Amino acid sequence: MAGADHSIDSEVLEHLGYQIRLTHAGLEWIAAVALPKQRPTLIMAPDREAAIAKAYEWIELQPRSGKSPS
């Protein structure tokens, strides 16, 4: 694809120790969510705000280390 812009801009946010890397890909936004040194979970959404909201919701559902189950 001559003349196509192949650069991908990404934005990095943090929430509760997780890193959220937002990327606009085609018609959707992708949020790669992970703790440091972990494989990311990919979340897709139609717009930036929805991707952030889904990423925050996913993070909130993760078990917290350091909390006992009792």
PDB file of N, CA and C in Angstrom:
ATOM      1  N   MET A   1       0.839  -1.172   0.000  1.00  0.00           N
ATOM      2  CA  MET A   1       0.000   0.000   0.000  1.00  0.00           C
ATOM      3  C   MET A   1       0.884   1.235   0.000  1.00  0.00           C
ATOM      4  N   ALA A   2       1.163   1.729  -1.133  1.00  0.00           N
ATOM      5  CA  ALA A   2       2.000   2.914  -1.238  1.00  0.00           C
ATOM      6  C   ALA A   2       1.255   4.121  -0.696  1.00  0.00           C
ATOM      7  N   GLY A   3       1.966   4.900   0.084  1.00  0.00           N
ATOM      8  CA  GLY A   3       1.392   6.120   0.622  1.00  0.00           C
ATOM      9  C   GLY A   3       0.571   5.919   1.885  1.00  0.00           C
ATOM     10  N   ALA A   4       0.404   4.664   2.300  1.00  0.00           N
ATOM     11  CA  ALA A   4      -0.370   4.414   3.520  1.00  0.00           C
ATOM     12  C   ALA A   4       0.471   4.763   4.739  1.00  0.00           C
ATOM     13  N   ASP A   5      -0.179   5.299   5.742  1.00  0.00           N
ATOM     14  CA  ASP A   5       0.515   5.643   6.985  1.00  0.00           C
ATOM     15  C   ASP A   5       0.509   4.424   7.882  1.00  0.00           C
ATOM     16  N   HIS A   6       1.668   3.811   8.079  1.00  0.00           N
ATOM     17  CA  HIS A   6       1.771   2.599   8.873  1.00  0.00           C
ATOM     18  C   HIS A   6       2.135   2.873  10.319  1.00  0.00           C
ATOM     19  N   SER A   7       2.272   4.132  10.709  1.00  0.00           N
ATOM     20  CA  SER A   7       2.590   4.423  12.103  1.00  0.00           C
ATOM     21  C   SER A   7       1.331   4.245  12.947  1.00  0.00           C
ATOM     22  N   ILE A   8       1.512   3.664  14.109  1.00  0.00           N
ATOM     23  CA  ILE A   8       0.394   3.448  15.016  1.00  0.00           C
ATOM     24  C   ILE A   8       0.652   4.262  16.272  1.00  0.00           C
ATOM     25  N   ASP A   9      -0.244   5.193  16.538  1.00  0.00           N
ATOM     26  CA  ASP A   9      -0.129   6.001  17.740  1.00  0.00           C
ATOM     27  C   ASP A   9      -0.812   5.261  18.871  1.00  0.00           C
ATOM     28  N   SER A  10      -0.188   5.269  20.026  1.00  0.00           N
ATOM     29  CA  SER A  10      -0.818   4.642  21.185  1.00  0.00           C
ATOM     30  C   SER A  10      -0.700   5.571  22.379  1.00  0.00           C
ATOM     31  N   GLU A  11      -1.610   5.385  23.294  1.00  0.00           N
ATOM     32  CA  GLU A  11      -1.669   6.189  24.508  1.00  0.00           C
ATOM     33  C   GLU A  11      -1.620   5.213  25.683  1.00  0.00           C
ATOM     34  N   VAL A  12      -0.892   5.549  26.720  1.00  0.00           N
ATOM     35  CA  VAL A  12      -0.767   4.665  27.874  1.00  0.00           C
ATOM     36  C   VAL A  12      -1.404   5.322  29.094  1.00  0.00           C
ATOM     37  N   LEU A  13      -2.294   4.574  29.743  1.00  0.00           N
ATOM     38  CA  LEU A  13      -2.935   5.002  30.979  1.00  0.00           C
ATOM     39  C   LEU A  13      -2.591   3.980  32.060  1.00  0.00           C
ATOM     40  N   GLU A  14      -2.786   4.338  33.309  1.00  0.00           N
ATOM     41  CA  GLU A  14      -2.592   3.389  34.405  1.00  0.00           C
ATOM     42  C   GLU A  14      -3.795   3.444  35.316  1.00  0.00           C
ATOM     43  N   HIS A  15      -4.149   2.259  35.846  1.00  0.00           N
ATOM     44  CA  HIS A  15      -5.283   2.152  36.762  1.00  0.00           C
ATOM     45  C   HIS A  15      -5.035   0.982  37.700  1.00  0.00           C
ATOM     46  N   LEU A  16      -4.938   1.257  38.995  1.00  0.00           N
ATOM     47  CA  LEU A  16      -4.729   0.241  40.031  1.00  0.00           C
ATOM     48  C   LEU A  16      -3.522  -0.651  39.753  1.00  0.00           C
ATOM     49  N   GLY A  17      -2.466  -0.061  39.231  1.00  0.00           N
ATOM     50  CA  GLY A  17      -1.242  -0.811  38.958  1.00  0.00           C
ATOM     51  C   GLY A  17      -1.196  -1.459  37.590  1.00  0.00           C
ATOM     52  N   TYR A  18      -2.309  -1.472  36.877  1.00  0.00           N
ATOM     53  CA  TYR A  18      -2.365  -2.031  35.530  1.00  0.00           C
ATOM     54  C   TYR A  18      -2.008  -0.952  34.516  1.00  0.00           C
ATOM     55  N   GLN A  19      -1.391  -1.350  33.433  1.00  0.00           N
ATOM     56  CA  GLN A  19      -1.103  -0.449  32.329  1.00  0.00           C
ATOM     57  C   GLN A  19      -2.119  -0.715  31.226  1.00  0.00           C
ATOM     58  N   ILE A  20      -2.691   0.354  30.703  1.00  0.00           N
ATOM     59  CA  ILE A  20      -3.661   0.260  29.614  1.00  0.00           C
ATOM     60  C   ILE A  20      -3.059   0.978  28.416  1.00  0.00           C
ATOM     61  N   ARG A  21      -2.769   0.223  27.368  1.00  0.00           N
ATOM     62  CA  ARG A  21      -2.214   0.819  26.147  1.00  0.00           C
ATOM     63  C   ARG A  21      -3.329   0.883  25.114  1.00  0.00           C
ATOM     64  N   LEU A  22      -3.736   2.098  24.763  1.00  0.00           N
ATOM     65  CA  LEU A  22      -4.827   2.311  23.801  1.00  0.00           C
ATOM     66  C   LEU A  22      -4.261   2.537  22.408  1.00  0.00           C
ATOM     67  N   THR A  23      -4.846   1.852  21.438  1.00  0.00           N
ATOM     68  CA  THR A  23      -4.426   1.986  20.045  1.00  0.00           C
ATOM     69  C   THR A  23      -5.669   2.059  19.168  1.00  0.00           C
ATOM     70  N   HIS A  24      -5.672   2.982  18.220  1.00  0.00           N
ATOM     71  CA  HIS A  24      -6.768   3.073  17.254  1.00  0.00           C
ATOM     72  C   HIS A  24      -6.388   2.224  16.054  1.00  0.00           C
ATOM     73  N   ALA A  25      -7.191   1.198  15.778  1.00  0.00           N
ATOM     74  CA  ALA A  25      -6.894   0.261  14.686  1.00  0.00           C
ATOM     75  C   ALA A  25      -8.101   0.162  13.765  1.00  0.00           C
ATOM     76  N   GLY A  26      -7.994   0.770  12.621  1.00  0.00           N
ATOM     77  CA  GLY A  26      -9.109   0.725  11.673  1.00  0.00           C
ATOM     78  C   GLY A  26     -10.327   1.430  12.234  1.00  0.00           C
ATOM     79  N   LEU A  27     -11.426   0.673  12.352  1.00  0.00           N
ATOM     80  CA  LEU A  27     -12.666   1.254  12.852  1.00  0.00           C
ATOM     81  C   LEU A  27     -12.849   1.063  14.348  1.00  0.00           C
ATOM     82  N   GLU A  28     -11.906   0.380  15.012  1.00  0.00           N
ATOM     83  CA  GLU A  28     -12.057   0.095  16.422  1.00  0.00           C
ATOM     84  C   GLU A  28     -10.867   0.564  17.234  1.00  0.00           C
ATOM     85  N   TRP A  29     -11.064   0.604  18.533  1.00  0.00           N
ATOM     86  CA  TRP A  29      -9.996   0.892  19.485  1.00  0.00           C
ATOM     87  C   TRP A  29      -9.642  -0.394  20.192  1.00  0.00           C
ATOM     88  N   ILE A  30      -8.373  -0.578  20.470  1.00  0.00           N
ATOM     89  CA  ILE A  30      -7.897  -1.746  21.188  1.00  0.00           C
ATOM     90  C   ILE A  30      -7.214  -1.269  22.459  1.00  0.00           C
ATOM     91  N   ALA A  31      -7.586  -1.885  23.579  1.00  0.00           N
ATOM     92  CA  ALA A  31      -6.934  -1.621  24.859  1.00  0.00           C
ATOM     93  C   ALA A  31      -6.197  -2.889  25.259  1.00  0.00           C
ATOM     94  N   ALA A  32      -4.879  -2.798  25.391  1.00  0.00           N
ATOM     95  CA  ALA A  32      -4.068  -3.911  25.881  1.00  0.00           C
ATOM     96  C   ALA A  32      -3.833  -3.641  27.364  1.00  0.00           C
ATOM     97  N   VAL A  33      -4.375  -4.516  28.226  1.00  0.00           N
ATOM     98  CA  VAL A  33      -4.368  -4.290  29.670  1.00  0.00           C
ATOM     99  C   VAL A  33      -3.506  -5.340  30.352  1.00  0.00           C
ATOM    100  N   ALA A  34      -2.543  -4.914  31.171  1.00  0.00           N
ATOM    101  CA  ALA A  34      -1.679  -5.879  31.860  1.00  0.00           C
ATOM    102  C   ALA A  34      -1.000  -5.253  33.060  1.00  0.00           C
ATOM    103  N   LEU A  35      -0.669  -6.118  34.010  1.00  0.00           N
ATOM    104  CA  LEU A  35       0.234  -5.741  35.082  1.00  0.00           C
ATOM    105  C   LEU A  35       1.647  -5.794  34.526  1.00  0.00           C
ATOM    106  N   PRO A  36       2.607  -5.146  35.169  1.00  0.00           N
ATOM    107  CA  PRO A  36       3.988  -5.216  34.676  1.00  0.00           C
ATOM    108  C   PRO A  36       4.453  -6.673  34.548  1.00  0.00           C
ATOM    109  N   LYS A  37       5.141  -6.967  33.476  1.00  0.00           N
ATOM    110  CA  LYS A  37       5.728  -8.277  33.181  1.00  0.00           C
ATOM    111  C   LYS A  37       4.696  -9.384  33.014  1.00  0.00           C
ATOM    112  N   GLN A  38       3.471  -9.029  32.605  1.00  0.00           N
ATOM    113  CA  GLN A  38       2.448 -10.022  32.306  1.00  0.00           C
ATOM    114  C   GLN A  38       1.974  -9.844  30.877  1.00  0.00           C
ATOM    115  N   ARG A  39       1.424 -10.917  30.320  1.00  0.00           N
ATOM    116  CA  ARG A  39       0.856 -10.829  28.986  1.00  0.00           C
ATOM    117  C   ARG A  39      -0.414  -9.993  29.046  1.00  0.00           C
ATOM    118  N   PRO A  40      -0.633  -9.149  28.054  1.00  0.00           N
ATOM    119  CA  PRO A  40      -1.818  -8.298  28.092  1.00  0.00           C
ATOM    120  C   PRO A  40      -3.099  -9.026  27.682  1.00  0.00           C
ATOM    121  N   THR A  41      -4.195  -8.536  28.200  1.00  0.00           N
ATOM    122  CA  THR A  41      -5.523  -8.921  27.744  1.00  0.00           C
ATOM    123  C   THR A  41      -5.945  -7.858  26.753  1.00  0.00           C
ATOM    124  N   LEU A  42      -6.461  -8.276  25.599  1.00  0.00           N
ATOM    125  CA  LEU A  42      -6.884  -7.324  24.579  1.00  0.00           C
ATOM    126  C   LEU A  42      -8.382  -7.098  24.656  1.00  0.00           C
ATOM    127  N   ILE A  43      -8.765  -5.840  24.645  1.00  0.00           N
ATOM    128  CA  ILE A  43     -10.170  -5.445  24.706  1.00  0.00           C
ATOM    129  C   ILE A  43     -10.438  -4.549  23.510  1.00  0.00           C
ATOM    130  N   MET A  44     -11.487  -4.859  22.765  1.00  0.00           N
ATOM    131  CA  MET A  44     -11.845  -4.051  21.593  1.00  0.00           C
ATOM    132  C   MET A  44     -13.145  -3.305  21.853  1.00  0.00           C
ATOM    133  N   ALA A  45     -13.233  -2.087  21.302  1.00  0.00           N
ATOM    134  CA  ALA A  45     -14.432  -1.266  21.463  1.00  0.00           C
ATOM    135  C   ALA A  45     -14.551  -0.324  20.261  1.00  0.00           C
ATOM    136  N   PRO A  46     -15.749   0.183  20.012  1.00  0.00           N
ATOM    137  CA  PRO A  46     -15.953   1.047  18.851  1.00  0.00           C
ATOM    138  C   PRO A  46     -15.379   2.455  18.992  1.00  0.00           C
ATOM    139  N   ASP A  47     -15.148   2.899  20.250  1.00  0.00           N
ATOM    140  CA  ASP A  47     -14.584   4.230  20.447  1.00  0.00           C
ATOM    141  C   ASP A  47     -13.655   4.242  21.658  1.00  0.00           C
ATOM    142  N   ARG A  48     -12.891   5.298  21.788  1.00  0.00           N
ATOM    143  CA  ARG A  48     -11.867   5.416  22.836  1.00  0.00           C
ATOM    144  C   ARG A  48     -12.472   5.324  24.232  1.00  0.00           C
ATOM    145  N   GLU A  49     -13.555   6.057  24.461  1.00  0.00           N
ATOM    146  CA  GLU A  49     -14.171   6.087  25.780  1.00  0.00           C
ATOM    147  C   GLU A  49     -14.682   4.705  26.184  1.00  0.00           C
ATOM    148  N   ALA A  50     -15.269   3.973  25.242  1.00  0.00           N
ATOM    149  CA  ALA A  50     -15.769   2.628  25.526  1.00  0.00           C
ATOM    150  C   ALA A  50     -14.613   1.682  25.830  1.00  0.00           C
ATOM    151  N   ALA A  51     -13.501   1.826  25.118  1.00  0.00           N
ATOM    152  CA  ALA A  51     -12.330   0.978  25.369  1.00  0.00           C
ATOM    153  C   ALA A  51     -11.790   1.223  26.777  1.00  0.00           C
ATOM    154  N   ILE A  52     -11.718   2.475  27.187  1.00  0.00           N
ATOM    155  CA  ILE A  52     -11.237   2.801  28.535  1.00  0.00           C
ATOM    156  C   ILE A  52     -12.205   2.253  29.580  1.00  0.00           C
ATOM    157  N   ALA A  53     -13.495   2.444  29.375  1.00  0.00           N
ATOM    158  CA  ALA A  53     -14.497   1.967  30.334  1.00  0.00           C
ATOM    159  C   ALA A  53     -14.430   0.449  30.469  1.00  0.00           C
ATOM    160  N   LYS A  54     -14.298  -0.266  29.353  1.00  0.00           N
ATOM    161  CA  LYS A  54     -14.206  -1.726  29.394  1.00  0.00           C
ATOM    162  C   LYS A  54     -12.924  -2.167  30.090  1.00  0.00           C
ATOM    163  N   ALA A  55     -11.837  -1.470  29.846  1.00  0.00           N
ATOM    164  CA  ALA A  55     -10.565  -1.811  30.492  1.00  0.00           C
ATOM    165  C   ALA A  55     -10.671  -1.610  32.003  1.00  0.00           C
ATOM    166  N   TYR A  56     -11.244  -0.502  32.443  1.00  0.00           N
ATOM    167  CA  TYR A  56     -11.417  -0.246  33.876  1.00  0.00           C
ATOM    168  C   TYR A  56     -12.313  -1.314  34.502  1.00  0.00           C
ATOM    169  N   GLU A  57     -13.394  -1.659  33.815  1.00  0.00           N
ATOM    170  CA  GLU A  57     -14.315  -2.680  34.326  1.00  0.00           C
ATOM    171  C   GLU A  57     -13.598  -4.029  34.457  1.00  0.00           C
ATOM    172  N   TRP A  58     -12.797  -4.401  33.454  1.00  0.00           N
ATOM    173  CA  TRP A  58     -12.055  -5.661  33.501  1.00  0.00           C
ATOM    174  C   TRP A  58     -11.083  -5.659  34.675  1.00  0.00           C
ATOM    175  N   ILE A  59     -10.382  -4.551  34.875  1.00  0.00           N
ATOM    176  CA  ILE A  59      -9.425  -4.441  35.983  1.00  0.00           C
ATOM    177  C   ILE A  59     -10.146  -4.607  37.319  1.00  0.00           C
ATOM    178  N   GLU A  60     -11.295  -3.971  37.474  1.00  0.00           N
ATOM    179  CA  GLU A  60     -12.047  -4.046  38.724  1.00  0.00           C
ATOM    180  C   GLU A  60     -12.481  -5.474  39.045  1.00  0.00           C
ATOM    181  N   LEU A  61     -12.660  -6.315  38.036  1.00  0.00           N
ATOM    182  CA  LEU A  61     -13.095  -7.695  38.238  1.00  0.00           C
ATOM    183  C   LEU A  61     -11.953  -8.652  38.568  1.00  0.00           C
ATOM    184  N   GLN A  62     -10.718  -8.188  38.449  1.00  0.00           N
ATOM    185  CA  GLN A  62      -9.568  -9.056  38.712  1.00  0.00           C
ATOM    186  C   GLN A  62      -9.354  -9.215  40.208  1.00  0.00           C
ATOM    187  N   PRO A  63      -8.954 -10.443  40.622  1.00  0.00           N
ATOM    188  CA  PRO A  63      -8.661 -10.643  42.046  1.00  0.00           C
ATOM    189  C   PRO A  63      -7.471  -9.792  42.466  1.00  0.00           C
ATOM    190  N   ARG A  64      -7.535  -9.277  43.655  1.00  0.00           N
ATOM    191  CA  ARG A  64      -6.445  -8.431  44.181  1.00  0.00           C
ATOM    192  C   ARG A  64      -5.439  -9.290  44.906  1.00  0.00           C
ATOM    193  N   SER A  65      -4.191  -9.157  44.561  1.00  0.00           N
ATOM    194  CA  SER A  65      -3.166  -9.860  45.326  1.00  0.00           C
ATOM    195  C   SER A  65      -3.013  -9.166  46.671  1.00  0.00           C
ATOM    196  N   GLY A  66      -2.720  -9.923  47.685  1.00  0.00           N
ATOM    197  CA  GLY A  66      -2.562  -9.344  49.006  1.00  0.00           C
ATOM    198  C   GLY A  66      -3.837  -9.346  49.821  1.00  0.00           C
ATOM    199  N   LYS A  67      -4.971  -9.625  49.180  1.00  0.00           N
ATOM    200  CA  LYS A  67      -6.225  -9.735  49.919  1.00  0.00           C
ATOM    201  C   LYS A  67      -6.506 -11.199  50.174  1.00  0.00           C
ATOM    202  N   SER A  68      -6.859 -11.524  51.403  1.00  0.00           N
ATOM    203  CA  SER A  68      -7.198 -12.917  51.702  1.00  0.00           C
ATOM    204  C   SER A  68      -8.639 -13.191  51.308  1.00  0.00           C
ATOM    205  N   PRO A  69      -8.952 -14.423  50.863  1.00  0.00           N
ATOM    206  CA  PRO A  69     -10.295 -14.733  50.418  1.00  0.00           C
ATOM    207  C   PRO A  69     -11.330 -14.811  51.546  1.00  0.00           C
ATOM    208  N   SER A  70     -10.916 -14.752  52.818  1.00  0.00           N
ATOM    209  CA  SER A  70     -11.879 -14.866  53.918  1.00  0.00           C
ATOM    210  C   SER A  70     -12.539 -13.573  54.267  1.00  0.00           C
TER     211      SER A  70
END
